[in-house]
């Protein structure tokens, strides 16, 4: 499940899990909510942020961001 699929799998109501998770990711990655939304449209976070997100959601980084696993090597 990539990052976009993960976000889209969460309930879509401003008071429910999706918005809370997006805000939590934004806070942990020191970015704004709009940046997190950009990541769902194919813009990739840097390696440290990808690792942080993977740890937060419990999905391997390579699965969340499959096209970026070798980008910074």
PDB file of N, CA and C in Angstrom:
ATOM      1  N   UNK A   1       0.857  -1.177   0.000  1.00  0.00           N
ATOM      2  CA  UNK A   1       0.000   0.000   0.000  1.00  0.00           C
ATOM      3  C   UNK A   1       0.898   1.233   0.000  1.00  0.00           C
ATOM      4  N   UNK A   2       0.791   2.051  -1.047  1.00  0.00           N
ATOM      5  CA  UNK A   2       1.617   3.262  -1.079  1.00  0.00           C
ATOM      6  C   UNK A   2       1.009   4.352  -0.192  1.00  0.00           C
ATOM      7  N   UNK A   3       1.718   5.461  -0.066  1.00  0.00           N
ATOM      8  CA  UNK A   3       1.297   6.523   0.859  1.00  0.00           C
ATOM      9  C   UNK A   3      -0.090   7.065   0.511  1.00  0.00           C
ATOM     10  N   UNK A   4      -0.347   7.301  -0.762  1.00  0.00           N
ATOM     11  CA  UNK A   4      -1.655   7.807  -1.181  1.00  0.00           C
ATOM     12  C   UNK A   4      -2.756   6.816  -0.828  1.00  0.00           C
ATOM     13  N   UNK A   5      -2.527   5.531  -1.091  1.00  0.00           N
ATOM     14  CA  UNK A   5      -3.522   4.507  -0.749  1.00  0.00           C
ATOM     15  C   UNK A   5      -3.764   4.464   0.760  1.00  0.00           C
ATOM     16  N   UNK A   6      -2.679   4.595   1.524  1.00  0.00           N
ATOM     17  CA  UNK A   6      -2.823   4.591   2.985  1.00  0.00           C
ATOM     18  C   UNK A   6      -3.702   5.751   3.440  1.00  0.00           C
ATOM     19  N   UNK A   7      -3.391   6.956   2.993  1.00  0.00           N
ATOM     20  CA  UNK A   7      -4.176   8.134   3.389  1.00  0.00           C
ATOM     21  C   UNK A   7      -5.625   7.983   2.947  1.00  0.00           C
ATOM     22  N   UNK A   8      -5.834   7.522   1.722  1.00  0.00           N
ATOM     23  CA  UNK A   8      -7.197   7.362   1.217  1.00  0.00           C
ATOM     24  C   UNK A   8      -7.971   6.250   1.916  1.00  0.00           C
ATOM     25  N   UNK A   9      -7.276   5.332   2.566  1.00  0.00           N
ATOM     26  CA  UNK A   9      -7.954   4.249   3.281  1.00  0.00           C
ATOM     27  C   UNK A   9      -8.528   4.707   4.627  1.00  0.00           C
ATOM     28  N   UNK A  10      -8.080   5.861   5.096  1.00  0.00           N
ATOM     29  CA  UNK A  10      -8.567   6.383   6.373  1.00  0.00           C
ATOM     30  C   UNK A  10      -9.922   7.062   6.174  1.00  0.00           C
ATOM     31  N   UNK A  11     -10.800   7.015   7.190  1.00  0.00           N
ATOM     32  CA  UNK A  11     -12.104   7.684   7.072  1.00  0.00           C
ATOM     33  C   UNK A  11     -11.940   9.166   6.724  1.00  0.00           C
ATOM     34  N   UNK A  12     -12.742   9.652   5.783  1.00  0.00           N
ATOM     35  CA  UNK A  12     -12.621  11.033   5.290  1.00  0.00           C
ATOM     36  C   UNK A  12     -13.682  11.931   5.903  1.00  0.00           C
ATOM     37  N   UNK A  13     -13.399  12.403   7.076  1.00  0.00           N
ATOM     38  CA  UNK A  13     -14.251  13.339   7.778  1.00  0.00           C
ATOM     39  C   UNK A  13     -13.306  14.235   8.564  1.00  0.00           C
ATOM     40  N   UNK A  14     -13.492  15.543   8.519  1.00  0.00           N
ATOM     41  CA  UNK A  14     -12.540  16.447   9.181  1.00  0.00           C
ATOM     42  C   UNK A  14     -12.303  16.148  10.653  1.00  0.00           C
ATOM     43  N   UNK A  15     -13.219  15.468  11.290  1.00  0.00           N
ATOM     44  CA  UNK A  15     -13.064  15.197  12.719  1.00  0.00           C
ATOM     45  C   UNK A  15     -12.601  13.775  12.986  1.00  0.00           C
ATOM     46  N   UNK A  16     -12.278  13.006  11.943  1.00  0.00           N
ATOM     47  CA  UNK A  16     -11.905  11.615  12.147  1.00  0.00           C
ATOM     48  C   UNK A  16     -10.445  11.348  11.880  1.00  0.00           C
ATOM     49  N   UNK A  17     -10.154  10.097  11.742  1.00  0.00           N
ATOM     50  CA  UNK A  17      -8.789   9.610  11.694  1.00  0.00           C
ATOM     51  C   UNK A  17      -7.936  10.186  10.564  1.00  0.00           C
ATOM     52  N   UNK A  18      -8.484  10.371   9.382  1.00  0.00           N
ATOM     53  CA  UNK A  18      -7.666  10.850   8.256  1.00  0.00           C
ATOM     54  C   UNK A  18      -7.044  12.214   8.560  1.00  0.00           C
ATOM     55  N   UNK A  19      -7.860  13.155   8.982  1.00  0.00           N
ATOM     56  CA  UNK A  19      -7.324  14.503   9.236  1.00  0.00           C
ATOM     57  C   UNK A  19      -6.382  14.497  10.431  1.00  0.00           C
ATOM     58  N   UNK A  20      -6.709  13.720  11.460  1.00  0.00           N
ATOM     59  CA  UNK A  20      -5.802  13.626  12.619  1.00  0.00           C
ATOM     60  C   UNK A  20      -4.452  13.047  12.209  1.00  0.00           C
ATOM     61  N   UNK A  21      -4.477  12.010  11.370  1.00  0.00           N
ATOM     62  CA  UNK A  21      -3.233  11.372  10.945  1.00  0.00           C
ATOM     63  C   UNK A  21      -2.420  12.315  10.063  1.00  0.00           C
ATOM     64  N   UNK A  22      -3.070  13.028   9.175  1.00  0.00           N
ATOM     65  CA  UNK A  22      -2.371  13.990   8.317  1.00  0.00           C
ATOM     66  C   UNK A  22      -1.724  15.075   9.172  1.00  0.00           C
ATOM     67  N   UNK A  23      -2.449  15.576  10.155  1.00  0.00           N
ATOM     68  CA  UNK A  23      -1.878  16.589  11.058  1.00  0.00           C
ATOM     69  C   UNK A  23      -0.714  16.030  11.858  1.00  0.00           C
ATOM     70  N   UNK A  24      -0.844  14.790  12.318  1.00  0.00           N
ATOM     71  CA  UNK A  24       0.223  14.156  13.083  1.00  0.00           C
ATOM     72  C   UNK A  24       1.476  13.986  12.218  1.00  0.00           C
ATOM     73  N   UNK A  25       1.298  13.532  10.987  1.00  0.00           N
ATOM     74  CA  UNK A  25       2.434  13.377  10.074  1.00  0.00           C
ATOM     75  C   UNK A  25       3.091  14.736   9.814  1.00  0.00           C
ATOM     76  N   UNK A  26       2.279  15.747   9.566  1.00  0.00           N
ATOM     77  CA  UNK A  26       2.810  17.089   9.326  1.00  0.00           C
ATOM     78  C   UNK A  26       3.627  17.574  10.520  1.00  0.00           C
ATOM     79  N   UNK A  27       3.104  17.375  11.706  1.00  0.00           N
ATOM     80  CA  UNK A  27       3.805  17.822  12.913  1.00  0.00           C
ATOM     81  C   UNK A  27       5.123  17.080  13.102  1.00  0.00           C
ATOM     82  N   UNK A  28       5.103  15.766  12.975  1.00  0.00           N
ATOM     83  CA  UNK A  28       6.313  14.965  13.172  1.00  0.00           C
ATOM     84  C   UNK A  28       7.379  15.274  12.120  1.00  0.00           C
ATOM     85  N   UNK A  29       6.950  15.626  10.922  1.00  0.00           N
ATOM     86  CA  UNK A  29       7.888  15.913   9.825  1.00  0.00           C
ATOM     87  C   UNK A  29       8.225  17.401   9.717  1.00  0.00           C
ATOM     88  N   UNK A  30       7.650  18.217  10.599  1.00  0.00           N
ATOM     89  CA  UNK A  30       7.900  19.661  10.603  1.00  0.00           C
ATOM     90  C   UNK A  30       7.554  20.313   9.264  1.00  0.00           C
ATOM     91  N   UNK A  31       6.396  19.949   8.734  1.00  0.00           N
ATOM     92  CA  UNK A  31       5.879  20.540   7.500  1.00  0.00           C
ATOM     93  C   UNK A  31       4.429  20.924   7.734  1.00  0.00           C
ATOM     94  N   UNK A  32       3.832  21.611   6.755  1.00  0.00           N
ATOM     95  CA  UNK A  32       2.420  21.931   6.921  1.00  0.00           C
ATOM     96  C   UNK A  32       1.559  20.846   6.277  1.00  0.00           C
ATOM     97  N   UNK A  33       0.281  20.884   6.570  1.00  0.00           N
ATOM     98  CA  UNK A  33      -0.669  19.888   6.092  1.00  0.00           C
ATOM     99  C   UNK A  33      -0.686  19.827   4.564  1.00  0.00           C
ATOM    100  N   UNK A  34      -0.567  20.975   3.904  1.00  0.00           N
ATOM    101  CA  UNK A  34      -0.566  20.987   2.440  1.00  0.00           C
ATOM    102  C   UNK A  34       0.586  20.168   1.866  1.00  0.00           C
ATOM    103  N   UNK A  35       1.708  20.184   2.540  1.00  0.00           N
ATOM    104  CA  UNK A  35       2.848  19.398   2.088  1.00  0.00           C
ATOM    105  C   UNK A  35       2.537  17.907   2.152  1.00  0.00           C
ATOM    106  N   UNK A  36       1.884  17.484   3.209  1.00  0.00           N
ATOM    107  CA  UNK A  36       1.498  16.070   3.325  1.00  0.00           C
ATOM    108  C   UNK A  36       0.563  15.691   2.181  1.00  0.00           C
ATOM    109  N   UNK A  37      -0.374  16.564   1.854  1.00  0.00           N
ATOM    110  CA  UNK A  37      -1.261  16.297   0.718  1.00  0.00           C
ATOM    111  C   UNK A  37      -0.472  16.202  -0.584  1.00  0.00           C
ATOM    112  N   UNK A  38       0.544  17.030  -0.759  1.00  0.00           N
ATOM    113  CA  UNK A  38       1.368  16.965  -1.974  1.00  0.00           C
ATOM    114  C   UNK A  38       2.035  15.599  -2.102  1.00  0.00           C
ATOM    115  N   UNK A  39       2.441  15.038  -0.966  1.00  0.00           N
ATOM    116  CA  UNK A  39       3.070  13.725  -0.989  1.00  0.00           C
ATOM    117  C   UNK A  39       2.116  12.653  -1.502  1.00  0.00           C
ATOM    118  N   UNK A  40       0.817  12.851  -1.329  1.00  0.00           N
ATOM    119  CA  UNK A  40      -0.142  11.869  -1.843  1.00  0.00           C
ATOM    120  C   UNK A  40      -0.301  11.985  -3.351  1.00  0.00           C
ATOM    121  N   UNK A  41       0.167  13.091  -3.942  1.00  0.00           N
ATOM    122  CA  UNK A  41       0.051  13.299  -5.383  1.00  0.00           C
ATOM    123  C   UNK A  41       1.360  13.049  -6.117  1.00  0.00           C
ATOM    124  N   UNK A  42       2.292  12.363  -5.466  1.00  0.00           N
ATOM    125  CA  UNK A  42       3.508  11.967  -6.156  1.00  0.00           C
ATOM    126  C   UNK A  42       4.765  12.732  -5.796  1.00  0.00           C
ATOM    127  N   UNK A  43       4.636  13.854  -5.112  1.00  0.00           N
ATOM    128  CA  UNK A  43       5.829  14.549  -4.626  1.00  0.00           C
ATOM    129  C   UNK A  43       6.358  13.756  -3.444  1.00  0.00           C
ATOM    130  N   UNK A  44       7.638  13.505  -3.428  1.00  0.00           N
ATOM    131  CA  UNK A  44       8.196  12.636  -2.394  1.00  0.00           C
ATOM    132  C   UNK A  44       8.892  13.418  -1.292  1.00  0.00           C
ATOM    133  N   UNK A  45       8.679  13.009  -0.060  1.00  0.00           N
ATOM    134  CA  UNK A  45       9.434  13.623   1.039  1.00  0.00           C
ATOM    135  C   UNK A  45      10.877  13.134   1.005  1.00  0.00           C
ATOM    136  N   UNK A  46      11.745  13.825   1.731  1.00  0.00           N
ATOM    137  CA  UNK A  46      13.140  13.391   1.791  1.00  0.00           C
ATOM    138  C   UNK A  46      13.246  12.089   2.594  1.00  0.00           C
ATOM    139  N   UNK A  47      14.419  11.490   2.590  1.00  0.00           N
ATOM    140  CA  UNK A  47      14.631  10.175   3.192  1.00  0.00           C
ATOM    141  C   UNK A  47      14.265  10.135   4.676  1.00  0.00           C
ATOM    142  N   UNK A  48      14.630  11.151   5.427  1.00  0.00           N
ATOM    143  CA  UNK A  48      14.335  11.164   6.858  1.00  0.00           C
ATOM    144  C   UNK A  48      12.828  11.219   7.101  1.00  0.00           C
ATOM    145  N   UNK A  49      12.128  12.013   6.335  1.00  0.00           N
ATOM    146  CA  UNK A  49      10.678  12.102   6.481  1.00  0.00           C
ATOM    147  C   UNK A  49       9.999  10.799   6.057  1.00  0.00           C
ATOM    148  N   UNK A  50      10.495  10.166   4.993  1.00  0.00           N
ATOM    149  CA  UNK A  50       9.937   8.871   4.580  1.00  0.00           C
ATOM    150  C   UNK A  50      10.091   7.848   5.698  1.00  0.00           C
ATOM    151  N   UNK A  51      11.248   7.839   6.322  1.00  0.00           N
ATOM    152  CA  UNK A  51      11.499   6.898   7.423  1.00  0.00           C
ATOM    153  C   UNK A  51      10.559   7.190   8.594  1.00  0.00           C
ATOM    154  N   UNK A  52      10.406   8.447   8.933  1.00  0.00           N
ATOM    155  CA  UNK A  52       9.522   8.849  10.025  1.00  0.00           C
ATOM    156  C   UNK A  52       8.091   8.417   9.752  1.00  0.00           C
ATOM    157  N   UNK A  53       7.617   8.660   8.547  1.00  0.00           N
ATOM    158  CA  UNK A  53       6.244   8.288   8.178  1.00  0.00           C
ATOM    159  C   UNK A  53       6.069   6.778   8.243  1.00  0.00           C
ATOM    160  N   UNK A  54       7.026   6.038   7.708  1.00  0.00           N
ATOM    161  CA  UNK A  54       6.938   4.571   7.724  1.00  0.00           C
ATOM    162  C   UNK A  54       6.841   4.047   9.154  1.00  0.00           C
ATOM    163  N   UNK A  55       7.622   4.598  10.046  1.00  0.00           N
ATOM    164  CA  UNK A  55       7.571   4.183  11.447  1.00  0.00           C
ATOM    165  C   UNK A  55       6.236   4.539  12.084  1.00  0.00           C
ATOM    166  N   UNK A  56       5.700   5.695  11.740  1.00  0.00           N
ATOM    167  CA  UNK A  56       4.420   6.141  12.318  1.00  0.00           C
ATOM    168  C   UNK A  56       3.259   5.250  11.904  1.00  0.00           C
ATOM    169  N   UNK A  57       3.233   4.863  10.635  1.00  0.00           N
ATOM    170  CA  UNK A  57       2.073   4.122  10.123  1.00  0.00           C
ATOM    171  C   UNK A  57       2.279   2.611  10.133  1.00  0.00           C
ATOM    172  N   UNK A  58       3.505   2.169  10.385  1.00  0.00           N
ATOM    173  CA  UNK A  58       3.765   0.736  10.475  1.00  0.00           C
ATOM    174  C   UNK A  58       3.776   0.019   9.133  1.00  0.00           C
ATOM    175  N   UNK A  59       4.140   0.734   8.076  1.00  0.00           N
ATOM    176  CA  UNK A  59       4.247   0.157   6.733  1.00  0.00           C
ATOM    177  C   UNK A  59       5.664   0.435   6.253  1.00  0.00           C
ATOM    178  N   UNK A  60       6.327  -0.560   5.658  1.00  0.00           N
ATOM    179  CA  UNK A  60       7.708  -0.343   5.207  1.00  0.00           C
ATOM    180  C   UNK A  60       7.831   0.841   4.240  1.00  0.00           C
ATOM    181  N   UNK A  61       8.906   1.580   4.398  1.00  0.00           N
ATOM    182  CA  UNK A  61       9.161   2.759   3.559  1.00  0.00           C
ATOM    183  C   UNK A  61       9.130   2.417   2.071  1.00  0.00           C
ATOM    184  N   UNK A  62       9.713   1.275   1.712  1.00  0.00           N
ATOM    185  CA  UNK A  62       9.765   0.860   0.302  1.00  0.00           C
ATOM    186  C   UNK A  62       8.370   0.645  -0.272  1.00  0.00           C
ATOM    187  N   UNK A  63       7.440   0.258   0.583  1.00  0.00           N
ATOM    188  CA  UNK A  63       6.063   0.046   0.141  1.00  0.00           C
ATOM    189  C   UNK A  63       5.310   1.374   0.044  1.00  0.00           C
ATOM    190  N   UNK A  64       5.512   2.260   1.006  1.00  0.00           N
ATOM    191  CA  UNK A  64       4.838   3.559   0.987  1.00  0.00           C
ATOM    192  C   UNK A  64       5.313   4.442  -0.158  1.00  0.00           C
ATOM    193  N   UNK A  65       6.604   4.422  -0.402  1.00  0.00           N
ATOM    194  CA  UNK A  65       7.210   5.287  -1.427  1.00  0.00           C
ATOM    195  C   UNK A  65       8.051   4.424  -2.374  1.00  0.00           C
ATOM    196  N   UNK A  66       7.409   3.581  -3.175  1.00  0.00           N
ATOM    197  CA  UNK A  66       8.142   2.597  -3.983  1.00  0.00           C
ATOM    198  C   UNK A  66       9.083   3.179  -5.028  1.00  0.00           C
ATOM    199  N   UNK A  67       8.776   4.308  -5.594  1.00  0.00           N
ATOM    200  CA  UNK A  67       9.645   4.851  -6.637  1.00  0.00           C
ATOM    201  C   UNK A  67      10.824   5.625  -6.065  1.00  0.00           C
ATOM    202  N   UNK A  68      10.899   5.754  -4.764  1.00  0.00           N
ATOM    203  CA  UNK A  68      11.931   6.580  -4.142  1.00  0.00           C
ATOM    204  C   UNK A  68      12.934   5.778  -3.321  1.00  0.00           C
ATOM    205  N   UNK A  69      12.818   4.455  -3.298  1.00  0.00           N
ATOM    206  CA  UNK A  69      13.660   3.684  -2.411  1.00  0.00           C
ATOM    207  C   UNK A  69      15.145   3.754  -2.742  1.00  0.00           C
ATOM    208  N   UNK A  70      15.497   4.015  -4.005  1.00  0.00           N
ATOM    209  CA  UNK A  70      16.905   4.149  -4.376  1.00  0.00           C
ATOM    210  C   UNK A  70      17.277   5.549  -4.828  1.00  0.00           C
ATOM    211  N   UNK A  71      16.360   6.483  -4.702  1.00  0.00           N
ATOM    212  CA  UNK A  71      16.555   7.824  -5.259  1.00  0.00           C
ATOM    213  C   UNK A  71      17.744   8.574  -4.653  1.00  0.00           C
ATOM    214  N   UNK A  72      18.023   8.332  -3.385  1.00  0.00           N
ATOM    215  CA  UNK A  72      19.068   9.116  -2.732  1.00  0.00           C
ATOM    216  C   UNK A  72      20.327   8.320  -2.460  1.00  0.00           C
ATOM    217  N   UNK A  73      20.476   7.161  -3.072  1.00  0.00           N
ATOM    218  CA  UNK A  73      21.671   6.337  -2.842  1.00  0.00           C
ATOM    219  C   UNK A  73      22.762   6.716  -3.803  1.00  0.00           C
TER     220      UNK A  73
END
